[in-house]
Protein backbone atom coordinates (compact mmCIF):
# COMPACT_ATOMS: atom_id res chain seq x y z
CA MET A 1 44.08 48.74 39.23
CA SER A 2 44.55 50.88 36.09
CA GLY A 3 44.77 49.32 32.63
CA SER A 4 48.49 50.05 32.46
CA GLU A 5 49.18 48.46 35.85
CA GLU A 6 46.95 45.48 35.03
CA SER A 7 48.70 44.79 31.72
CA SER A 8 52.15 45.07 33.31
CA ALA A 9 51.11 42.72 36.11
CA LEU A 10 50.28 40.05 33.53
CA ARG A 11 53.75 40.17 31.99
CA PRO A 12 56.83 38.43 33.44
CA LEU A 13 58.65 40.96 35.62
CA ASN A 14 62.13 42.03 34.46
CA ALA A 15 64.26 45.16 34.69
CA ASP A 16 63.27 46.41 31.24
CA ILE A 17 59.55 46.15 31.93
CA THR A 18 59.76 47.91 35.28
CA ARG A 19 61.91 50.65 33.76
CA GLU A 20 59.32 51.18 30.99
CA GLU A 21 56.62 51.52 33.63
CA GLY A 22 58.81 53.95 35.52
CA ASN A 23 59.31 56.00 32.37
CA LYS A 24 55.54 56.34 31.93
CA HIS A 25 55.21 57.78 35.42
CA PHE A 26 58.24 60.02 34.85
CA LYS A 27 56.69 61.52 31.71
CA ASN A 28 53.58 62.31 33.75
CA GLY A 29 55.64 64.13 36.35
CA GLN A 30 55.16 61.36 38.95
CA PHE A 31 58.81 61.16 39.94
CA THR A 32 58.31 59.33 43.24
CA LYS A 33 56.26 56.63 41.51
CA ALA A 34 58.80 56.42 38.69
CA LEU A 35 61.58 55.96 41.23
CA GLU A 36 59.71 53.03 42.79
CA PHE A 37 59.70 51.21 39.45
CA TYR A 38 63.36 52.01 38.72
CA GLU A 39 64.33 50.64 42.12
CA LYS A 40 62.16 47.57 41.56
CA GLY A 41 64.01 46.98 38.31
CA LEU A 42 67.36 47.35 40.08
CA SER A 43 66.32 44.69 42.57
CA LEU A 44 66.12 42.39 39.53
CA ASN A 45 69.27 43.65 37.84
CA GLN A 46 71.63 45.74 39.96
CA ARG A 47 73.81 46.60 36.95
CA CYS A 48 71.08 47.98 34.70
CA ILE A 49 72.61 51.26 33.50
CA LEU A 50 69.32 52.70 32.25
CA SER A 51 67.52 52.09 35.54
CA LEU A 52 70.42 53.56 37.54
CA SER A 53 70.65 56.62 35.33
CA ASN A 54 66.89 57.20 35.24
CA ALA A 55 66.69 56.81 39.02
CA ALA A 56 69.36 59.51 39.35
CA GLU A 57 67.30 61.84 37.14
CA ALA A 58 64.11 61.17 39.10
CA LEU A 59 65.95 61.95 42.34
CA LEU A 60 67.29 65.21 40.89
CA ARG A 61 63.70 66.18 40.02
CA LEU A 62 62.77 65.39 43.64
CA ASN A 63 65.58 67.66 44.86
CA ARG A 64 67.53 64.77 46.37
CA PRO A 65 71.01 65.30 44.87
CA ALA A 66 72.84 63.18 47.47
CA ASP A 67 70.76 60.11 46.58
CA ALA A 68 71.02 60.97 42.87
CA PHE A 69 74.81 61.01 43.20
CA VAL A 70 74.78 57.50 44.67
CA TYR A 71 72.90 56.15 41.64
CA SER A 72 74.88 58.14 39.05
CA SER A 73 78.16 57.01 40.65
CA ARG A 74 77.11 53.40 40.35
CA ALA A 75 76.15 53.97 36.72
CA VAL A 76 79.41 55.64 35.64
CA THR A 77 81.39 52.98 37.48
CA ILE A 78 79.68 50.28 35.43
CA ASP A 79 79.71 52.20 32.13
CA ARG A 80 81.80 55.37 32.07
CA LEU A 81 80.71 56.12 28.50
CA HIS A 82 76.94 56.29 29.06
CA GLU A 83 76.42 59.90 27.99
CA LYS A 84 73.02 60.54 29.57
CA THR A 85 74.49 59.73 32.97
CA TRP A 86 77.24 62.32 32.53
CA LEU A 87 74.82 65.22 32.91
CA ARG A 88 73.03 63.63 35.86
CA HIS A 89 76.29 62.85 37.62
CA VAL A 90 77.77 66.34 37.38
CA LYS A 91 74.47 68.06 38.17
CA ALA A 92 74.22 66.02 41.37
CA LEU A 93 77.77 67.04 42.33
CA SER A 94 77.08 70.70 41.56
CA GLN A 95 73.86 70.74 43.56
CA LEU A 96 75.81 69.18 46.45
CA GLU A 97 78.08 72.25 46.29
CA ARG A 98 80.93 70.17 44.82
CA ALA A 99 81.15 71.83 41.40
CA SER A 100 84.97 71.79 41.29
CA GLU A 101 84.83 68.00 41.60
CA ALA A 102 82.39 67.92 38.69
CA TYR A 103 84.66 70.14 36.58
CA VAL A 104 87.67 67.88 37.15
CA TRP A 105 85.60 64.76 36.45
CA LEU A 106 84.46 66.22 33.13
CA ALA A 107 87.96 67.40 32.18
CA ASP A 108 89.40 63.93 32.77
CA LEU A 109 86.49 62.25 30.99
CA PHE A 110 86.75 64.37 27.86
CA SER A 111 90.51 64.02 27.74
CA GLU A 112 89.84 60.31 27.35
CA VAL A 113 86.88 60.36 24.93
CA LEU A 114 88.22 63.12 22.67
CA SER A 115 91.52 61.30 22.32
CA ALA A 116 89.68 58.12 21.34
CA SER A 117 87.70 60.04 18.68
CA SER A 118 90.57 62.09 17.26
CA ASN A 119 90.32 60.43 13.82
CA ASP A 120 86.59 61.13 13.38
CA PRO A 121 86.00 64.87 12.75
CA VAL A 122 82.19 64.61 12.97
CA GLU A 123 82.26 62.73 16.28
CA LEU A 124 84.98 65.03 17.58
CA GLU A 125 82.84 68.09 16.91
CA ARG A 126 79.81 66.47 18.54
CA LEU A 127 81.78 65.65 21.68
CA GLN A 128 83.27 69.14 21.85
CA ASP A 129 79.76 70.62 21.71
CA LEU A 130 78.64 68.20 24.42
CA ARG A 131 81.58 69.21 26.61
CA VAL A 132 80.63 72.88 26.37
CA SER A 133 77.02 72.04 27.21
CA LEU A 134 77.96 69.99 30.28
CA PHE A 135 80.29 72.63 31.71
CA GLY A 136 77.54 75.18 31.31
CA ALA A 137 75.10 72.85 33.07
CA VAL A 138 77.45 72.47 36.05
CA ALA A 139 77.86 76.25 36.36
CA LYS A 140 74.09 76.76 36.09
CA ALA A 141 73.40 74.14 38.79
CA SER A 142 75.95 75.60 41.20
CA PRO A 143 74.45 77.78 43.94
CA TYR A 144 77.64 79.86 43.92
CA CYS A 145 77.85 80.73 40.22
CA TYR A 146 75.83 83.74 39.02
CA GLY A 147 77.48 84.39 35.65
CA PHE A 148 79.08 82.08 33.10
CA THR A 149 80.01 82.39 29.42
CA GLU A 150 78.64 79.48 27.41
CA GLY A 151 81.55 77.97 25.52
CA VAL A 152 84.12 78.17 28.32
CA TYR A 153 85.38 74.90 29.79
CA ILE A 154 88.23 73.29 31.73
CA GLU A 155 90.55 70.74 30.19
CA SER A 156 93.40 68.55 31.37
CA ASN A 157 96.77 70.21 30.92
CA GLY A 158 98.25 67.07 29.37
CA GLU A 159 101.89 66.29 30.07
CA HIS A 160 102.27 69.45 32.17
CA GLY A 161 99.74 68.17 34.69
CA GLY A 162 96.89 70.06 36.28
CA TYR A 163 94.10 71.82 34.40
CA ARG A 164 93.46 74.98 32.41
CA VAL A 165 90.48 77.14 31.45
CA CYS A 166 89.84 77.41 27.70
CA THR A 167 87.22 78.92 25.45
CA GLY A 168 85.54 77.41 22.42
CA VAL A 169 84.05 80.77 21.44
CA ALA A 170 85.42 84.23 20.80
CA ILE A 171 85.11 86.60 23.77
CA GLN A 172 85.03 90.37 23.37
CA SER A 173 87.19 92.64 25.48
CA GLN A 174 85.51 93.76 28.73
CA SER A 175 83.02 90.87 28.62
CA ALA A 176 82.36 88.93 31.81
CA VAL A 177 83.68 85.36 31.62
CA SER A 178 82.64 83.93 35.00
CA LYS A 179 81.19 85.25 38.25
CA GLU A 180 81.13 83.32 41.52
CA LYS A 181 80.57 83.71 45.22
CA ALA A 182 83.03 82.08 47.62
CA VAL A 183 82.28 78.48 48.51
CA LEU A 184 83.57 78.89 52.08
CA PRO A 185 85.05 81.86 53.96
CA TRP A 186 88.45 80.16 54.12
CA THR A 187 91.50 82.23 53.22
CA CYS A 188 95.25 82.13 53.81
CA ASP A 189 94.70 84.04 57.08
CA TRP A 190 93.61 80.75 58.67
CA ILE A 191 97.14 79.42 58.20
CA TYR A 192 99.05 82.39 59.59
CA ASP A 193 97.05 82.90 62.79
CA ASP A 194 97.26 80.15 65.44
CA ALA A 195 93.91 81.02 67.02
CA GLN A 196 92.11 80.85 63.66
CA LEU A 197 93.92 77.63 62.76
CA SER A 198 92.91 75.98 66.03
CA ASN A 199 89.31 77.14 65.63
CA PHE A 200 89.22 75.81 62.07
CA LEU A 201 90.54 72.38 63.06
CA ALA A 202 88.07 72.12 65.94
CA LYS A 203 85.01 72.97 63.85
CA VAL A 204 85.67 71.83 60.26
CA THR A 205 83.18 69.20 59.01
CA PRO A 206 83.40 66.49 56.31
CA ALA A 207 80.65 68.30 54.36
CA GLN A 208 82.79 71.44 54.24
CA VAL A 209 85.87 69.48 53.20
CA SER A 210 83.91 67.84 50.35
CA LYS A 211 83.26 71.29 48.87
CA MET A 212 87.02 71.60 48.29
CA ASN A 213 87.27 68.35 46.31
CA GLY A 214 88.75 68.94 42.87
CA LEU A 215 90.67 72.06 43.89
CA PHE A 216 94.45 72.06 43.96
CA PRO A 217 95.99 70.29 45.75
CA ARG A 218 93.72 67.33 45.06
CA SER A 219 95.86 65.08 47.27
CA TYR A 220 98.58 65.51 49.86
CA ALA A 221 101.09 64.06 47.38
CA GLU A 222 100.22 66.83 44.90
CA MET A 223 101.44 69.42 47.42
CA GLY A 224 105.11 68.51 46.83
CA ASN A 225 106.42 71.78 45.34
CA ALA A 226 104.09 73.93 47.43
CA LEU A 227 105.31 72.33 50.67
CA LYS A 228 108.90 72.92 49.57
CA ASN A 229 108.59 76.47 48.20
CA VAL A 230 105.76 78.18 50.12
CA ALA A 231 107.02 79.12 53.58
CA SER A 232 103.58 79.17 55.23
CA LEU A 233 102.96 75.59 54.10
CA SER A 234 106.36 74.07 54.81
CA ALA A 235 105.79 73.93 58.58
CA LEU A 236 102.02 73.50 58.40
CA GLU A 237 101.89 69.74 58.97
CA ASP A 238 103.64 69.96 62.35
CA ARG A 239 101.42 72.87 63.42
CA VAL A 240 98.26 71.03 62.37
CA ARG A 241 99.35 67.93 64.27
CA VAL A 242 99.90 69.96 67.45
CA HIS A 243 96.56 71.77 67.16
CA MET A 244 94.64 68.59 66.33
CA SER A 245 96.15 66.87 69.33
CA GLY A 246 94.97 69.75 71.50
CA CYS A 247 91.41 69.85 70.09
CA ARG A 248 88.65 68.19 72.06
CA ARG A 249 88.57 64.61 70.91
CA PRO A 250 86.27 61.71 71.80
CA SER A 251 87.44 59.72 74.80
CA GLY A 252 89.91 57.03 73.80
CA SER A 253 90.33 58.32 70.25
CA GLY A 254 94.06 58.84 70.78
CA MET A 255 96.36 60.96 68.65
CA PRO A 256 95.27 62.07 65.16
CA SER A 257 96.34 59.70 62.40
CA ASP A 258 98.82 60.78 59.73
CA ASP A 259 96.07 60.50 57.10
CA ALA A 260 93.76 62.80 59.09
CA VAL A 261 96.52 65.37 59.63
CA ARG A 262 97.54 65.37 55.98
CA GLU A 263 93.97 65.69 54.74
CA HIS A 264 93.58 68.81 56.88
CA VAL A 265 96.90 70.10 55.55
CA ARG A 266 95.62 69.52 52.00
CA VAL A 267 92.41 71.45 52.68
CA LEU A 268 94.32 74.33 54.24
CA GLY A 269 96.63 74.21 51.22
CA CYS A 270 93.55 74.74 49.04
CA ALA A 271 92.65 77.77 51.15
CA LYS A 272 96.17 79.18 50.76
CA LEU A 273 96.69 78.46 47.07
CA CYS A 274 93.19 78.77 45.58
CA SER A 275 91.44 81.47 47.60
CA HIS A 276 90.49 84.98 46.52
CA ASP A 277 90.04 87.68 49.19
CA ASP A 278 86.75 86.12 50.30
CA GLY A 279 87.64 82.40 49.98
CA PRO A 280 87.91 79.64 47.33
CA HIS A 281 85.77 79.53 44.18
CA HIS A 282 84.86 76.39 42.28
CA PHE A 283 85.52 77.52 38.70
CA ALA A 284 87.84 80.50 39.11
CA ALA A 285 90.39 78.38 40.98
CA PHE A 286 91.29 76.74 37.63
CA TYR A 287 92.54 79.92 35.90
CA ASN A 288 96.31 79.66 35.53
CA HIS A 289 98.73 82.53 35.96
CA SER A 290 100.23 84.57 33.14
CA CYS A 291 102.21 87.81 33.38
CA SER A 292 100.52 88.66 30.08
CA SER A 293 97.01 87.57 31.05
CA ASN A 294 94.01 87.94 28.77
CA CYS A 295 91.59 88.13 31.73
CA GLU A 296 91.52 90.03 35.00
CA VAL A 297 89.89 89.73 38.40
CA ARG A 298 87.32 92.31 39.41
CA GLY A 299 85.44 92.48 42.67
CA GLU A 300 86.73 92.17 46.22
CA THR A 301 83.98 90.05 47.75
CA ASN A 302 83.14 87.87 44.74
CA MET A 303 85.39 86.44 42.04
CA GLU A 304 84.40 88.14 38.78
CA ILE A 305 86.61 87.43 35.76
CA TYR A 306 86.53 89.76 32.74
CA ALA A 307 88.35 89.65 29.42
CA ASN A 308 90.88 92.49 29.19
CA ARG A 309 91.30 92.09 25.42
CA ASP A 310 89.57 90.32 22.56
CA ILE A 311 90.09 86.57 22.95
CA ALA A 312 89.93 84.10 20.07
CA ALA A 313 88.24 80.72 20.24
CA GLY A 314 90.74 78.06 21.29
CA GLU A 315 92.78 80.28 23.60
CA GLU A 316 93.56 79.45 27.20
CA LEU A 317 92.10 81.98 29.65
CA CYS A 318 94.61 83.24 32.22
CA ILE A 319 94.71 85.78 35.02
CA SER A 320 97.69 87.30 36.83
CA TYR A 321 98.30 86.07 40.35
CA ILE A 322 100.29 89.23 41.08
CA GLY A 323 99.49 92.89 40.49
CA ILE A 324 99.08 96.18 42.33
CA TYR A 325 100.35 95.80 45.88
CA GLY A 326 99.85 98.39 48.64
CA GLN A 327 103.16 98.82 50.47
CA SER A 328 101.27 99.55 53.68
CA GLY A 329 100.00 95.98 53.49
CA GLY A 330 98.01 93.87 51.08
CA TYR A 331 96.78 94.10 47.54
CA GLY A 332 94.76 97.23 46.99
CA GLY A 333 95.84 98.58 50.39
CA GLY A 334 96.38 102.23 51.23
CA GLY A 335 99.58 104.18 50.90
CA SER A 336 101.97 103.88 47.98
CA HIS A 337 101.52 101.05 45.50
CA VAL A 338 103.80 98.84 43.46
CA ASN A 339 102.81 96.98 40.29
CA GLN A 340 104.53 93.62 40.64
CA LEU A 341 104.07 93.01 36.92
CA ASP A 342 106.68 95.73 36.37
CA TRP A 343 109.25 93.83 38.40
CA GLN A 344 112.20 92.19 36.68
CA VAL A 345 111.70 88.65 35.45
CA LYS A 346 113.63 87.02 38.28
CA LEU A 347 111.66 88.85 40.97
CA ARG A 348 108.34 87.91 39.41
CA LYS A 349 109.36 84.26 39.11
CA ILE A 350 110.45 84.23 42.77
CA SER A 351 107.19 85.87 43.83
CA ILE A 352 105.07 83.28 41.99
CA THR A 353 107.15 80.35 43.25
CA LYS A 354 107.09 81.50 46.88
CA GLY A 355 103.42 82.46 46.79
CA TRP A 356 101.96 79.49 44.92
CA GLY A 357 104.74 76.90 44.67
CA VAL A 358 104.72 76.88 40.86
CA ALA A 359 107.16 78.13 38.24
CA CYS A 360 106.23 81.21 36.21
CA ASP A 361 106.82 80.36 32.55
CA ARG A 362 104.38 82.85 31.00
CA LEU A 363 106.09 86.19 30.85
CA ARG A 364 104.82 89.46 29.42
CA ARG A 365 106.92 89.25 26.25
CA ASN A 366 109.09 86.56 24.73
CA THR A 367 112.01 89.01 24.89
CA GLU A 368 111.79 88.94 28.68
CA TRP A 369 113.52 85.58 28.69
CA SER A 370 116.72 87.42 27.68
CA GLN A 371 116.62 89.32 31.01
CA ASP A 372 117.39 86.07 32.84
CA PRO A 373 120.77 84.62 31.74
CA ALA A 374 119.99 81.44 33.66
CA GLU A 375 117.24 80.70 31.17
């Protein structure tokens, strides 16, 4: 028995002592041994935030993000304001390929803590810097992100609902803002084609569905306007129910439940409303539309966002959901092309509403409102 172990054995065992022993092993790079002591401490005090948080960090070092997420979730449930756990929690999510869930969790968290600190300029600045750091950490930990501008973050859109991408730093024109690979090869084509839809429903796994957490729609209830305005989604629930009923199901499992059907409708809604040409992307899905966007999408197989003008710190970053359309079929297709941004206001608003289920209230110029008497 070493001197350290002998001295600790002579002291009354409690969660603080075992955590201190775990910390010694952690500092020496002995993460498995450290984890043993953190877990021993938790057997004495299941609500010890420091032991839970440190166990999550040790598990991240051991490349066990799923187990780390279990511990970090327990910690933030007990004390949502324990800052060290914030990083460990979102890193675990990102390493589990659930970065969009981490982004939403951070956006909601900072909406709360920044509001509570609004009268303290020093604390407000510290929290804003921490927010930027944490969003950068999530992007860095994501296996799908290969480019990210430090200083960019997602925030809650307040009374308007949803989220928006903002920047805390100035961004020069033609600079890359974010670059991502698709999380899954799911696109709107899966909705239109019955064979692809049936194949998707037969093979989709819970692990794949979890990668879509955080993306819009985040619940079936949130699909309200999209189900009403987007033709391909309005009849989707009935089609999914039919296909799920026809899929091979375990003996005696019966018809699919309403909850199961609607969760699959939600996931397919994500694929329709959030996907680029190659599928959905964890960060890029949060860029809102503007007919006068300050960013643009480049790349057909990956989602690469670039600034198309100089952008000041504090601005929201937007892209256009519409653009050059090949009349022979599809964006960027052959034949003659039409720039949908040159359409009249009413046509653009209809296109956005029918394509994404949302109203277009960001036109190219303020004077464009005068083109629509109904406004």
